[in-house]
Protein backbone atom coordinates (compact mmCIF):
# COMPACT_ATOMS: atom_id res chain seq x y z
CA MET A 1 89.16 116.79 82.03
CA HIS A 2 89.49 114.01 79.54
CA ARG A 3 92.94 113.47 78.07
CA ARG A 4 92.29 111.92 74.68
CA PRO A 5 94.94 109.34 73.76
CA ALA A 6 96.70 109.70 70.44
CA THR A 7 96.39 106.09 69.35
CA PRO A 8 98.22 103.89 70.08
CA ARG A 9 100.09 105.88 72.73
CA LYS A 10 99.26 105.28 76.36
CA PRO A 11 97.46 108.34 77.74
CA PRO A 12 97.92 109.67 81.25
CA ASP A 13 94.99 109.11 83.56
CA ALA A 14 91.82 111.20 83.33
CA TRP A 15 92.19 114.64 84.79
CA ALA A 16 89.57 117.35 84.84
CA GLY A 17 90.90 120.56 83.45
CA ARG A 18 94.47 120.20 84.68
CA PRO A 19 97.72 120.23 82.66
CA SER A 20 99.74 117.08 83.12
CA ALA A 21 102.75 116.42 85.24
CA ALA A 22 102.66 112.78 84.38
CA ALA A 23 105.63 113.09 82.10
CA ALA A 24 107.84 114.66 84.75
CA ARG A 25 110.46 112.25 86.06
CA PRO A 26 110.34 111.55 89.82
CA SER A 27 113.25 112.98 91.76
CA THR A 28 114.18 113.62 95.35
CA SER A 29 114.84 117.33 94.97
CA SER A 30 113.82 120.21 92.75
CA PRO A 31 116.33 122.32 90.79
CA TRP A 32 113.88 125.21 90.70
CA THR A 33 114.97 127.21 93.76
CA SER A 34 116.71 130.55 94.03
CA SER A 35 119.22 129.08 96.51
CA THR A 36 120.13 126.35 94.03
CA LEU A 37 120.79 128.91 91.32
CA ALA A 38 122.77 131.11 93.71
CA ALA A 39 125.01 128.18 94.66
CA CYS A 40 125.45 127.16 91.02
CA ARG A 41 126.14 130.77 90.07
CA GLU A 42 129.18 130.76 92.35
CA LYS A 43 130.43 127.53 90.79
CA GLY A 44 129.54 128.68 87.29
CA LEU A 45 127.80 125.46 86.15
CA TRP A 46 124.19 124.31 86.26
CA SER A 47 122.17 121.57 84.60
CA SER A 48 118.46 120.95 84.74
CA SER A 49 115.36 119.79 82.89
CA CYS A 50 112.10 121.66 82.31
CA PRO A 51 108.86 119.70 82.78
CA PRO A 52 106.15 120.37 80.21
CA PRO A 53 103.44 122.86 81.09
CA GLY A 54 100.05 122.79 79.40
CA ARG A 55 99.89 126.51 78.86
CA ALA A 56 102.03 129.60 78.26
CA THR A 57 103.18 129.88 81.88
CA PRO A 58 105.93 128.09 83.84
CA PRO A 59 104.99 124.79 85.54
CA ASP A 60 104.08 124.97 89.24
CA SER A 61 107.44 123.60 90.40
CA MET A 62 109.20 126.46 88.58
CA LYS A 63 107.00 129.43 89.51
CA GLY A 64 108.95 130.64 92.55
CA PHE A 65 112.24 130.26 90.70
CA TRP A 66 110.85 132.16 87.70
CA ARG A 67 109.65 135.03 89.90
CA TYR A 68 113.16 135.23 91.34
CA LEU A 69 114.67 135.50 87.85
CA LEU A 70 112.29 138.37 87.03
CA LYS A 71 113.52 140.57 89.90
CA LYS A 72 114.26 144.09 88.72
CA ASN A 73 117.58 144.27 90.59
CA LEU A 74 119.08 141.51 88.38
CA ASP A 75 121.02 143.23 85.62
CA ALA A 76 122.42 142.04 82.28
CA GLN A 77 125.74 141.03 83.89
CA TRP A 78 124.27 139.09 86.81
CA LEU A 79 124.96 135.70 85.18
CA GLN A 80 127.99 136.76 83.15
CA GLY A 81 130.31 133.77 82.77
CA PHE A 82 127.61 131.41 84.01
CA ARG A 83 127.27 128.26 81.89
CA TYR A 84 124.36 125.88 81.87
CA ALA A 85 122.83 122.92 80.10
CA MET A 86 119.08 122.59 79.65
CA PHE A 87 116.78 119.87 78.36
CA GLY A 88 113.06 120.52 77.92
CA LEU A 89 110.48 117.78 78.38
CA GLY A 90 107.68 118.62 75.94
CA ASP A 91 104.85 117.29 73.88
CA SER A 92 104.19 118.76 70.44
CA GLY A 93 100.50 118.02 71.02
CA TYR A 94 100.48 121.08 73.27
CA GLN A 95 99.98 124.51 71.79
CA TYR A 96 102.99 125.81 73.76
CA TYR A 97 105.48 123.06 72.95
CA ASN A 98 108.52 123.22 75.28
CA PHE A 99 107.54 126.77 76.19
CA ALA A 100 109.13 126.70 79.67
CA ALA A 101 112.57 125.63 78.42
CA ILE A 102 112.62 128.14 75.56
CA LYS A 103 111.45 130.98 77.79
CA LEU A 104 114.00 130.13 80.50
CA ARG A 105 116.84 130.04 77.96
CA LYS A 106 115.86 133.53 76.77
CA ARG A 107 115.78 134.89 80.33
CA LEU A 108 119.17 133.40 81.24
CA SER A 109 120.62 135.02 78.14
CA GLN A 110 119.14 138.39 79.16
CA LEU A 111 120.91 138.05 82.52
CA GLY A 112 124.30 137.45 80.92
CA ALA A 113 124.43 133.65 80.55
CA THR A 114 125.13 133.77 76.83
CA LYS A 115 127.36 130.70 76.50
CA PRO A 116 125.55 127.44 77.32
CA ILE A 117 127.65 124.30 77.65
CA ILE A 118 125.76 122.82 74.70
CA GLY A 119 122.63 123.78 72.79
CA ILE A 120 119.24 123.35 74.42
CA GLY A 121 117.70 119.88 74.07
CA LEU A 122 114.00 119.60 73.30
CA GLY A 123 112.39 116.26 74.08
CA ASN A 124 109.10 115.40 72.40
CA ASP A 125 106.78 112.78 73.85
CA GLN A 126 105.26 112.40 70.38
CA ASP A 127 108.53 111.00 68.93
CA SER A 128 108.78 107.30 68.12
CA SER A 129 110.76 106.64 71.31
CA GLY A 130 109.47 109.54 73.38
CA TYR A 131 111.82 111.90 75.16
CA GLU A 132 114.59 109.32 74.96
CA LYS A 133 115.04 109.91 71.21
CA ALA A 134 116.45 113.39 71.79
CA LEU A 135 117.71 112.87 75.34
CA GLY A 136 120.26 110.14 74.54
CA PRO A 137 122.27 112.11 71.92
CA TRP A 138 121.93 115.31 73.94
CA LEU A 139 123.32 113.67 77.09
CA LEU A 140 126.21 112.13 75.18
CA SER A 141 127.08 115.54 73.78
CA LEU A 142 126.86 117.04 77.28
CA TRP A 143 129.18 114.42 78.81
CA LYS A 144 131.71 114.89 76.04
CA SER A 145 131.69 118.65 76.51
CA LEU A 146 132.01 118.41 80.30
CA ASN A 147 134.72 115.79 79.95
CA ARG A 148 136.74 118.19 77.81
CA THR A 149 136.20 120.93 80.40
CA ASN A 150 137.41 118.88 83.37
CA PRO A 151 138.32 115.27 82.56
CA SER A 152 139.63 114.54 86.07
CA LEU A 153 136.29 115.09 87.81
CA LEU A 154 133.86 113.50 85.38
CA PRO A 155 133.37 109.88 84.29
CA ARG A 156 135.17 108.69 81.19
CA ILE A 157 133.06 108.74 78.06
CA PRO A 158 133.39 104.96 77.38
CA ASP A 159 131.95 104.26 80.84
CA ILE A 160 128.93 106.39 80.03
CA ILE A 161 128.31 104.88 76.59
CA ASN A 162 128.80 101.29 77.80
CA PRO A 163 128.35 101.26 81.59
CA ASN A 164 129.84 98.26 83.35
CA LEU A 165 126.95 96.71 85.20
CA ASN A 166 129.30 94.15 86.73
CA ASN A 167 130.15 96.94 89.18
CA LEU A 168 126.55 97.77 89.93
CA GLY A 169 126.95 98.89 93.53
CA ASP A 170 124.14 99.12 96.04
CA ALA A 171 120.70 100.61 95.82
CA LYS A 172 120.32 104.13 97.19
CA VAL A 173 117.91 103.03 99.89
CA GLU A 174 118.07 100.54 102.72
CA VAL A 175 115.04 98.55 103.88
CA ILE A 176 115.01 97.29 107.46
CA TYR A 177 112.59 94.45 108.16
CA TYR A 178 110.72 93.65 111.38
CA SER A 179 108.38 90.79 112.09
CA SER A 180 104.85 91.65 113.13
CA ASP A 181 105.61 90.17 116.57
CA ASP A 182 108.39 92.75 117.08
CA THR A 183 106.17 95.71 116.30
CA PRO A 184 104.39 97.29 119.28
CA GLN A 185 100.72 98.11 118.92
CA ASP A 186 101.29 101.84 119.41
CA SER A 187 103.20 101.97 116.11
CA ILE A 188 100.20 100.62 114.18
CA LEU A 189 98.12 103.59 113.03
CA PRO A 190 94.32 103.27 112.88
CA ASP A 191 94.02 106.79 111.38
CA SER A 192 94.00 106.55 107.57
CA LYS A 193 95.25 110.12 107.11
CA LYS A 194 98.26 109.58 109.36
CA LEU A 195 98.97 106.21 107.75
CA ILE A 196 99.05 107.78 104.27
CA GLY A 197 101.27 110.60 105.51
CA ARG A 198 103.70 108.18 107.14
CA ALA A 199 103.95 105.86 104.15
CA ARG A 200 104.53 108.61 101.62
CA SER A 201 107.06 110.42 103.81
CA MET A 202 109.16 107.22 103.81
CA HIS A 203 109.35 106.83 100.02
CA PRO A 204 112.62 108.29 98.66
CA ALA A 205 110.96 109.85 95.59
CA LEU A 206 108.05 111.33 97.55
CA LYS A 207 109.49 112.55 100.85
CA PHE A 208 110.73 115.87 99.42
CA HIS A 209 107.58 116.42 97.33
CA ASN A 210 105.12 115.24 99.93
CA ASP A 211 102.15 117.35 100.99
CA GLY A 212 101.85 115.41 104.23
CA GLU A 213 98.63 113.87 105.35
CA PRO A 214 95.54 114.32 103.16
CA GLU A 215 93.67 117.51 103.98
CA TYR A 216 90.38 115.70 103.66
CA MET A 217 89.03 112.16 103.56
CA LEU A 218 85.87 112.66 101.51
CA LYS A 219 83.00 110.26 100.93
CA MET A 220 81.54 109.66 97.49
CA VAL A 221 77.84 110.59 97.68
CA THR A 222 77.03 110.78 93.94
CA ASN A 223 78.42 108.74 91.05
CA GLN A 224 76.43 109.71 87.94
CA ARG A 225 77.17 108.86 84.33
CA LEU A 226 76.72 111.89 82.05
CA THR A 227 77.15 110.15 78.70
CA LYS A 228 75.10 107.39 77.11
CA LYS A 229 76.05 103.74 77.56
CA ASP A 230 78.98 103.87 75.17
CA PRO A 231 82.03 101.94 76.42
CA GLU A 232 84.33 104.27 74.49
CA ARG A 233 83.02 107.48 76.13
CA ASP A 234 82.24 107.31 79.83
CA VAL A 235 82.14 110.70 81.56
CA ARG A 236 81.06 110.84 85.20
CA HIS A 237 79.80 113.47 87.62
CA PHE A 238 81.14 112.79 91.11
CA GLU A 239 80.13 114.49 94.33
CA LEU A 240 82.47 114.11 97.29
CA GLU A 241 81.41 115.25 100.73
CA ASP A 242 82.73 115.93 104.20
CA PRO A 243 79.59 115.39 106.28
CA SER A 244 81.03 117.03 109.41
CA SER A 245 82.57 120.29 108.18
CA ALA A 246 82.99 122.68 105.27
CA VAL A 247 85.62 122.04 102.58
CA HIS A 248 87.73 125.13 101.93
CA TYR A 249 88.41 125.86 98.26
CA GLN A 250 87.63 128.41 95.56
CA VAL A 251 86.54 128.15 91.95
CA GLY A 252 89.43 127.41 89.61
CA ASP A 253 91.09 125.15 92.19
CA ALA A 254 91.97 121.52 91.63
CA LEU A 255 91.33 118.51 93.81
CA GLU A 256 94.26 116.11 94.06
CA ILE A 257 93.29 112.51 94.78
CA LEU A 258 95.44 109.58 95.82
CA PRO A 259 93.90 106.56 94.07
CA SER A 260 93.70 103.10 95.56
CA GLN A 261 95.40 100.30 93.69
CA ASN A 262 93.64 97.03 93.06
CA PRO A 263 94.40 94.82 96.10
CA SER A 264 94.84 91.77 93.85
CA ALA A 265 97.57 93.59 91.91
CA VAL A 266 99.35 94.58 95.12
CA ASN A 267 99.14 90.98 96.37
CA ALA A 268 100.43 89.65 93.04
CA PHE A 269 103.41 92.05 93.15
CA ILE A 270 104.30 91.01 96.71
CA LYS A 271 103.99 87.32 95.85
CA ARG A 272 106.06 87.71 92.66
CA CYS A 273 108.84 89.40 94.65
CA ASN A 274 108.78 86.73 97.40
CA LEU A 275 108.00 89.29 100.11
CA ASP A 276 106.19 88.89 103.41
CA PRO A 277 103.09 91.12 103.21
CA ASP A 278 102.62 91.13 107.01
CA CYS A 279 106.11 92.16 108.03
CA TYR A 280 106.90 95.74 108.99
CA ILE A 281 109.60 97.85 107.38
CA SER A 282 111.38 101.17 107.72
CA ILE A 283 113.29 102.82 104.91
CA ARG A 284 116.24 105.18 104.94
CA ALA A 285 118.68 106.55 102.44
CA LYS A 286 122.01 104.75 102.12
CA GLY A 287 124.83 106.65 103.74
CA GLY A 288 122.58 108.13 106.40
CA ASP A 289 123.27 108.01 110.11
CA GLU A 290 123.74 104.48 111.34
CA VAL A 291 120.98 103.61 113.79
CA SER A 292 120.72 100.35 115.65
CA LYS A 293 117.60 98.33 115.00
CA SER A 294 117.14 97.98 118.75
CA SER A 295 117.61 101.67 119.49
CA PRO A 296 114.46 103.62 120.43
CA VAL A 297 115.57 106.46 118.16
CA ASN A 298 115.32 104.09 115.22
CA GLY A 299 111.74 105.26 115.21
CA LEU A 300 109.27 102.57 116.16
CA MET A 301 106.68 105.01 114.90
CA ASP A 302 108.35 104.97 111.48
CA ARG A 303 107.60 101.32 110.89
CA ILE A 304 104.88 100.43 108.43
CA LYS A 305 103.47 97.20 107.11
CA LEU A 306 105.16 96.26 103.83
CA LYS A 307 101.86 95.65 102.06
CA THR A 308 100.59 99.07 103.13
CA PHE A 309 103.78 100.76 101.92
CA VAL A 310 103.52 99.12 98.48
CA ALA A 311 99.81 99.96 98.15
CA LEU A 312 100.23 103.65 99.10
CA THR A 313 103.54 104.55 97.45
CA MET A 314 104.58 102.17 94.62
CA ASP A 315 102.64 102.27 91.34
CA VAL A 316 102.94 98.60 90.46
CA ALA A 317 99.91 98.14 88.19
CA SER A 318 99.47 101.43 86.33
CA ALA A 319 102.78 103.18 85.53
CA SER A 320 105.41 101.90 83.12
CA PRO A 321 108.96 101.52 84.46
CA GLY A 322 111.83 103.63 83.15
CA ARG A 323 114.77 102.43 81.05
CA TYR A 324 117.04 102.19 84.10
CA PHE A 325 114.62 99.60 85.51
CA TYR A 326 115.49 97.37 82.54
CA GLU A 327 119.22 98.03 82.96
CA ILE A 328 119.15 96.86 86.58
CA MET A 329 116.86 93.97 85.71
CA SER A 330 119.26 92.84 82.98
CA TYR A 331 122.09 92.89 85.53
CA PHE A 332 120.24 90.52 87.87
CA ALA A 333 119.10 88.42 84.90
CA THR A 334 122.75 88.01 83.81
CA ALA A 335 123.94 87.18 87.33
CA GLN A 336 121.21 84.58 87.90
CA HIS A 337 121.61 83.07 84.42
CA GLU A 338 125.37 82.66 84.86
CA LYS A 339 124.95 81.19 88.31
CA GLU A 340 122.42 78.63 87.09
CA ARG A 341 124.46 77.83 83.98
CA LEU A 342 127.48 77.01 86.13
CA HIS A 343 125.50 74.78 88.48
CA CYS A 344 123.32 73.03 85.94
CA PHE A 345 124.65 70.67 83.27
CA ALA A 346 121.26 70.67 81.49
CA THR A 347 121.22 66.91 80.89
CA THR A 348 117.57 66.74 79.79
CA GLU A 349 115.82 68.42 76.86
CA ASP A 350 113.48 70.23 79.24
CA GLU A 351 116.43 71.68 81.14
CA LYS A 352 118.10 72.74 77.90
CA GLU A 353 114.91 74.38 76.68
CA ARG A 354 114.49 76.19 79.99
CA LEU A 355 118.04 77.51 79.90
CA GLN A 356 117.63 78.57 76.26
CA LYS A 357 114.46 80.49 77.11
CA LYS A 358 116.19 82.26 79.97
CA ARG A 359 119.13 83.14 77.76
CA LEU A 360 116.82 84.67 75.15
CA GLN A 361 114.99 86.66 77.81
CA LYS A 362 118.30 87.85 79.26
CA GLU A 363 119.40 89.04 75.81
CA ARG A 364 116.06 90.81 75.34
CA LEU A 365 116.53 92.70 78.59
CA GLU A 366 120.08 93.64 77.58
CA GLU A 367 118.76 94.93 74.25
CA PHE A 368 116.10 97.03 76.01
CA ALA A 369 118.79 98.52 78.23
CA SER A 370 121.03 99.46 75.27
CA PRO A 371 120.87 102.64 73.15
CA GLU A 372 120.18 100.49 70.08
CA GLY A 373 117.11 99.00 71.74
CA ARG A 374 115.52 102.35 72.56
CA ASP A 375 112.76 102.11 69.93
CA GLY A 376 111.95 98.52 70.80
CA LEU A 377 111.76 99.38 74.49
CA TYR A 378 109.48 102.35 73.79
CA GLN A 379 107.12 100.12 71.83
CA TYR A 380 107.11 97.34 74.43
CA ASN A 381 107.09 99.53 77.52
CA HIS A 382 105.19 102.74 76.74
CA LYS A 383 103.07 102.19 73.64
CA GLU A 384 101.87 98.81 74.85
CA GLY A 385 101.48 100.16 78.37
CA ARG A 386 103.48 97.54 80.29
CA THR A 387 103.28 98.03 84.04
CA VAL A 388 105.93 97.09 86.61
CA LEU A 389 103.91 94.04 87.62
CA GLU A 390 103.47 92.91 84.01
CA VAL A 391 107.19 93.27 83.28
CA LEU A 392 108.12 91.27 86.37
CA GLU A 393 105.61 88.56 85.45
CA GLU A 394 106.94 88.35 81.88
CA PHE A 395 110.44 87.68 83.27
CA PRO A 396 109.45 85.44 86.19
CA TRP A 397 112.91 84.04 86.91
CA VAL A 398 114.57 87.44 87.43
CA HIS A 399 114.60 88.41 91.10
CA MET A 400 115.38 92.01 92.00
CA PRO A 401 115.99 92.96 95.65
CA PHE A 402 113.18 94.98 97.20
CA GLU A 403 115.58 97.90 97.78
CA TRP A 404 116.00 98.26 94.02
CA LEU A 405 112.25 97.93 93.44
CA VAL A 406 111.57 100.72 95.95
CA GLN A 407 114.09 102.90 94.12
CA LEU A 408 113.01 102.09 90.55
CA THR A 409 109.25 101.52 90.67
CA PRO A 410 107.45 104.76 89.73
CA PRO A 411 105.91 106.33 92.82
CA LEU A 412 102.14 106.33 93.14
CA LYS A 413 101.19 109.88 92.19
CA LYS A 414 98.17 111.93 93.10
CA ARG A 415 95.83 112.78 90.23
CA ALA A 416 94.49 116.32 89.88
CA PHE A 417 90.98 117.23 88.75
CA SER A 418 89.48 120.66 88.18
CA ILE A 419 86.72 121.31 90.66
CA SER A 420 83.35 121.74 88.95
CA SER A 421 81.38 123.17 91.87
CA SER A 422 81.22 126.43 93.82
CA PRO A 423 81.84 126.52 97.58
CA LEU A 424 79.08 129.12 97.83
CA ALA A 425 76.60 126.60 96.44
CA HIS A 426 78.09 123.47 98.04
CA PRO A 427 80.09 124.42 101.18
CA ASN A 428 80.78 120.84 102.30
CA GLN A 429 81.01 119.22 98.86
CA ILE A 430 83.35 119.10 95.90
CA HIS A 431 82.06 118.09 92.45
CA LEU A 432 84.23 116.62 89.70
CA THR A 433 83.71 115.96 85.98
CA VAL A 434 85.87 112.98 85.05
CA SER A 435 86.32 110.97 81.89
CA VAL A 436 86.91 107.31 82.71
CA VAL A 437 89.99 106.43 80.71
CA SER A 438 90.14 103.18 78.76
CA TRP A 439 92.10 102.47 75.61
CA LEU A 440 93.49 99.68 73.44
CA ALA A 441 97.26 99.61 73.87
CA THR A 442 97.35 96.80 71.28
CA PRO A 443 94.52 94.96 69.51
CA PHE A 444 94.51 92.48 72.40
CA ARG A 445 95.44 94.67 75.40
CA ARG A 446 92.85 97.03 76.90
CA LYS A 447 94.21 99.36 79.53
CA HIS A 448 92.36 101.44 82.12
CA GLY A 449 93.25 104.66 83.90
CA LEU A 450 93.99 103.95 87.55
CA CYS A 451 92.27 106.84 89.31
CA SER A 452 89.30 107.39 87.00
CA THR A 453 88.48 103.67 86.97
CA TRP A 454 88.73 103.47 90.76
CA LEU A 455 86.47 106.49 91.25
CA ALA A 456 83.92 105.14 88.74
CA GLY A 457 83.79 101.88 90.69
CA LEU A 458 83.00 103.49 94.06
CA ASP A 459 79.53 102.88 95.43
CA PRO A 460 77.98 105.89 97.23
CA ASN A 461 76.26 103.43 99.58
CA GLU A 462 79.60 102.19 100.87
CA GLU A 463 81.88 103.97 103.33
CA THR A 464 85.01 104.22 101.17
CA LEU A 465 86.89 107.46 101.84
CA VAL A 466 88.87 109.30 99.18
CA PRO A 467 92.20 110.92 100.25
CA CYS A 468 92.18 114.51 98.95
CA TRP A 469 94.27 117.67 98.86
CA ILE A 470 93.18 121.11 97.59
CA HIS A 471 95.60 122.58 95.04
CA GLN A 472 95.55 126.16 93.83
CA GLY A 473 94.39 126.18 90.25
CA SER A 474 95.84 127.90 87.22
CA LEU A 475 92.50 129.51 86.28
CA PRO A 476 92.26 132.57 88.55
CA PRO A 477 88.83 133.06 90.12
CA PRO A 478 87.18 136.07 88.43
CA ASP A 479 85.82 139.12 90.19
CA PRO A 480 81.98 139.18 90.19
CA SER A 481 82.04 142.48 88.27
CA THR A 482 84.17 141.11 85.40
CA PRO A 483 82.31 139.90 82.29
CA LEU A 484 83.40 136.44 81.19
CA VAL A 485 83.84 134.71 77.84
CA LEU A 486 84.22 130.98 78.57
CA ILE A 487 85.16 128.35 75.97
CA GLY A 488 85.07 124.77 77.24
CA PRO A 489 84.32 121.91 74.84
CA GLY A 490 83.98 118.41 76.25
CA THR A 491 85.13 118.03 79.83
CA GLY A 492 86.75 121.43 79.48
CA CYS A 493 83.40 122.62 80.82
CA ALA A 494 84.33 121.34 84.30
CA PRO A 495 85.81 124.54 85.79
CA PHE A 496 83.19 126.67 84.03
CA ARG A 497 80.34 124.82 85.68
CA ALA A 498 81.92 126.05 88.93
CA PHE A 499 82.21 129.60 87.54
CA VAL A 500 78.52 129.66 86.59
CA GLU A 501 77.42 128.24 89.96
CA GLU A 502 79.57 130.78 91.77
CA ARG A 503 78.22 133.73 89.84
CA ALA A 504 74.64 132.57 90.33
CA ALA A 505 75.22 132.44 94.10
CA GLN A 506 76.96 135.85 94.08
CA ARG A 507 74.08 137.36 92.09
CA ALA A 508 71.70 136.62 94.94
CA ARG A 509 73.50 139.20 97.09
CA GLU A 510 75.21 141.66 94.71
CA PRO A 511 75.19 142.76 91.05
CA THR A 512 77.29 140.58 88.75
CA ALA A 513 78.59 140.82 85.19
CA PRO A 514 77.27 138.54 82.40
CA ILE A 515 78.80 135.33 81.03
CA LEU A 516 79.06 134.01 77.48
CA PHE A 517 79.75 130.28 77.44
CA PHE A 518 80.69 128.25 74.35
CA PHE A 519 80.39 124.49 74.80
CA GLY A 520 81.10 121.72 72.32
CA CYS A 521 80.70 117.96 72.03
CA ARG A 522 80.09 115.33 69.35
CA ASN A 523 76.37 114.66 69.65
CA LYS A 524 73.56 116.37 71.49
CA ASP A 525 71.97 113.05 72.41
CA ASP A 526 75.14 111.17 73.42
CA ASP A 527 77.64 113.44 75.22
CA PHE A 528 75.98 116.77 75.97
CA LEU A 529 77.42 117.15 79.48
CA TYR A 530 75.13 118.79 82.06
CA ARG A 531 72.40 119.13 79.45
CA ASP A 532 69.93 120.54 82.01
CA PHE A 533 72.36 122.77 83.92
CA TRP A 534 73.31 125.20 81.14
CA PRO A 535 69.77 125.87 79.81
CA HIS A 536 68.59 126.40 83.40
CA HIS A 537 71.04 129.31 83.83
CA ALA A 538 70.38 130.59 80.29
CA GLN A 539 66.72 131.45 80.94
CA ASN A 540 64.58 133.32 83.46
CA ASN A 541 67.20 136.05 83.88
CA GLY A 542 69.93 133.55 84.81
CA VAL A 543 73.63 134.43 84.58
CA LEU A 544 73.80 132.94 81.05
CA SER A 545 70.55 134.48 79.86
CA PRO A 546 70.44 136.96 76.94
CA GLU A 547 68.31 139.31 79.06
CA GLU A 548 71.27 139.75 81.38
CA GLY A 549 73.76 140.16 78.53
CA GLY A 550 74.94 136.55 78.65
CA GLY A 551 74.50 133.56 76.41
CA PHE A 552 75.00 129.81 76.05
CA PHE A 553 76.06 128.41 72.67
CA ALA A 554 76.61 124.72 71.97
CA ALA A 555 78.44 123.21 69.00
CA PHE A 556 77.49 119.59 68.26
CA SER A 557 80.21 118.62 65.81
CA ARG A 558 78.73 115.35 64.47
CA ASP A 559 75.02 116.20 64.30
CA GLN A 560 75.18 117.58 60.73
CA PRO A 561 77.13 116.78 57.56
CA GLU A 562 79.66 119.57 58.15
CA LYS A 563 81.45 119.56 61.47
CA VAL A 564 80.76 122.51 63.73
CA TYR A 565 83.13 123.41 66.57
CA VAL A 566 83.26 126.11 69.25
CA GLN A 567 85.36 128.40 67.03
CA HIS A 568 82.51 128.46 64.50
CA LYS A 569 80.06 129.49 67.21
CA ILE A 570 82.46 132.25 68.32
CA ARG A 571 82.46 133.66 64.78
CA GLU A 572 78.66 133.42 64.62
CA GLN A 573 78.41 135.45 67.83
CA SER A 574 81.22 137.87 66.95
CA ALA A 575 79.18 140.97 67.85
CA ARG A 576 78.41 139.62 71.34
CA VAL A 577 82.00 138.52 71.88
CA LEU A 578 83.42 141.87 70.81
CA ASN A 579 80.93 143.74 72.98
CA MET A 580 82.04 141.67 75.99
CA LEU A 581 85.71 142.29 75.23
CA CYS A 582 85.08 146.02 74.96
CA SER A 583 83.36 145.83 78.36
CA GLY A 584 86.53 144.47 79.98
CA ALA A 585 85.76 140.75 79.77
CA ALA A 586 88.23 138.06 80.78
CA VAL A 587 88.59 135.07 78.45
CA TYR A 588 88.99 131.51 79.74
CA VAL A 589 89.70 128.50 77.50
CA ALA A 590 89.83 124.88 78.70
CA GLY A 591 89.93 121.60 76.80
CA SER A 592 91.99 119.47 74.44
CA SER A 593 95.40 120.85 73.46
CA THR A 594 95.46 119.43 69.93
CA LYS A 595 93.94 122.08 67.63
CA MET A 596 91.21 123.66 69.72
CA PRO A 597 93.19 126.39 71.58
CA ALA A 598 94.87 127.62 68.37
CA ASP A 599 91.56 127.53 66.46
CA VAL A 600 89.81 129.44 69.23
CA ARG A 601 92.61 132.01 69.31
CA ALA A 602 92.37 132.46 65.52
CA ALA A 603 88.60 132.92 65.78
CA MET A 604 89.00 135.53 68.52
CA GLU A 605 91.62 137.40 66.48
CA GLU A 606 89.31 137.31 63.48
CA VAL A 607 86.48 138.76 65.57
CA VAL A 608 88.51 141.75 66.76
CA ARG A 609 90.04 142.36 63.32
CA GLU A 610 86.61 142.45 61.67
CA LYS A 611 85.70 145.33 63.94
CA GLY A 612 88.89 147.22 63.18
CA VAL A 613 90.59 146.36 66.46
CA ASP A 614 94.26 145.36 66.58
CA ALA A 615 94.63 141.59 67.06
CA GLY A 616 97.51 142.39 69.44
CA TRP A 617 94.79 143.27 71.90
CA LEU A 618 94.55 139.59 72.82
CA ARG A 619 98.24 139.53 73.70
CA LYS A 620 97.67 142.51 75.97
CA LEU A 621 94.79 140.64 77.60
CA GLU A 622 97.06 137.66 78.15
CA ARG A 623 99.80 139.78 79.76
CA ALA A 624 97.16 141.37 81.99
CA GLY A 625 96.01 137.92 83.17
CA LYS A 626 92.68 138.17 81.36
CA TYR A 627 93.25 135.51 78.67
CA ASN A 628 93.69 132.21 80.51
CA ILE A 629 94.21 128.83 78.88
CA GLU A 630 94.22 125.39 80.43
CA THR A 631 94.70 122.51 78.00
CA TRP A 632 95.84 118.90 77.94
CA SER A 633 96.71 116.22 75.40
């Protein structure tokens, strides 16, 4: 999947056919559990945020919770008297903007929770200052309402509006350091899978959302460019292999990959923070059980080299820090500036200039941390794509303790890619279709997606292994007897390449239903992805061939004066599409979330209306799980 940036916003990294979780804020626990709701139901209060899905279904982290709310034994009085506050994290670039939050509010109301603490908040990543534009006023309104409800238990409103950073307190984590001489050899792991599992289980933001060790360490065996040599459009076909055993997955699944950070960036971060890269550390939450450093139960096996921990868990050179990062940084900037001002009389012009520069930088940090500086921070931090390392280097005299950096640096997240191969055709391989992300954050700052750039730089002749997890996809694998109508422009074709491969392999041993596939790109010569694959299956009685009831239709939008998109091809082939729908076909749509899904839906509705069929038929297909959409911005 290629997530096209809306200039000049920073896009998330390249995924292949997967809706994004990049906007979700890291946390140490999930509110989306039935036990959490049951406990809150007894207390009568609950507050949460809804991460943005890319389709008209709840996000993965909410699915179990949503199934619980749909139980038939929950009546209209089940949540009577229950009060809640809800803020949705959305992106109006998606067709289903803030769908999860709106749908959850409706369901809570149906169960008797008719009096929220305050109205629902809807954050929009497209706003000038992102989610923060709506979140700040919404939170202030929430605190005021809660303060009126129980002023003795909640912070005073002035402390929330203007927090006193002079009483900062401690970080929420404690880092214990050991020299390499004090670390026994049996605590040093040679196994890469175990090392990754250990490091990520230690990080406070990852330990409760950790999938453990990678399921597979796969080797890159093919790295093929699918587009012409255009620096603005680089789409790759990757083949990853386990040479010793089969890889267990099904079509529609996603492959999650933990990318490697540039070693020079990791080294620069460690040097900037005055850390010893060769020392060993262990990390625990503050307030946990006190354990002596010399005690064997302190967990010698829980020690890890500091450099390894940073490289595997802290996104220092890709992700932008949050606003709280700047608040804490401004605190240490103020403390260090005041300390130096008191101990330095600045007798020379150079000293005066240095102090003046530090004072201006301190004031800039304070402005970024203030509500008034929200727009300026969004421009500096998000639109211009500042990373943690870049921010630290732009304020070189501010020194934050490593405990705070562990807490505030965004965790290194896995990236998910739709699998574009069939396990029947490639039992020990997984294929991916990935757009290598690169964009101009400013006229002078070119940024690169972490994972896609790393994968594109791997040499199949080298022995680099890629840490991978299989993740159940949101596109359900179809039954061989179900006809398919597939719409996948651009890298939206990734999961459908797998569907076609799978059906071709199934057809060798049993009868299968036909497939109509609508593909789109800009130019036939420049970015026609898998230009030989589709025609191969569209002839000689292949699964896309007209003789078998199938078809392949490509829209090249820029190859003629008037632009032609997949929705135009759907209208041209309305008779075929309607015939497939009447035969019980399932519809799958994958690609950009901007206008394409809505335009495709309108074209499909037009097709069924022309034939005298109720357009509500598509809604029935959707409810039956036979109209599936996977989009991204």
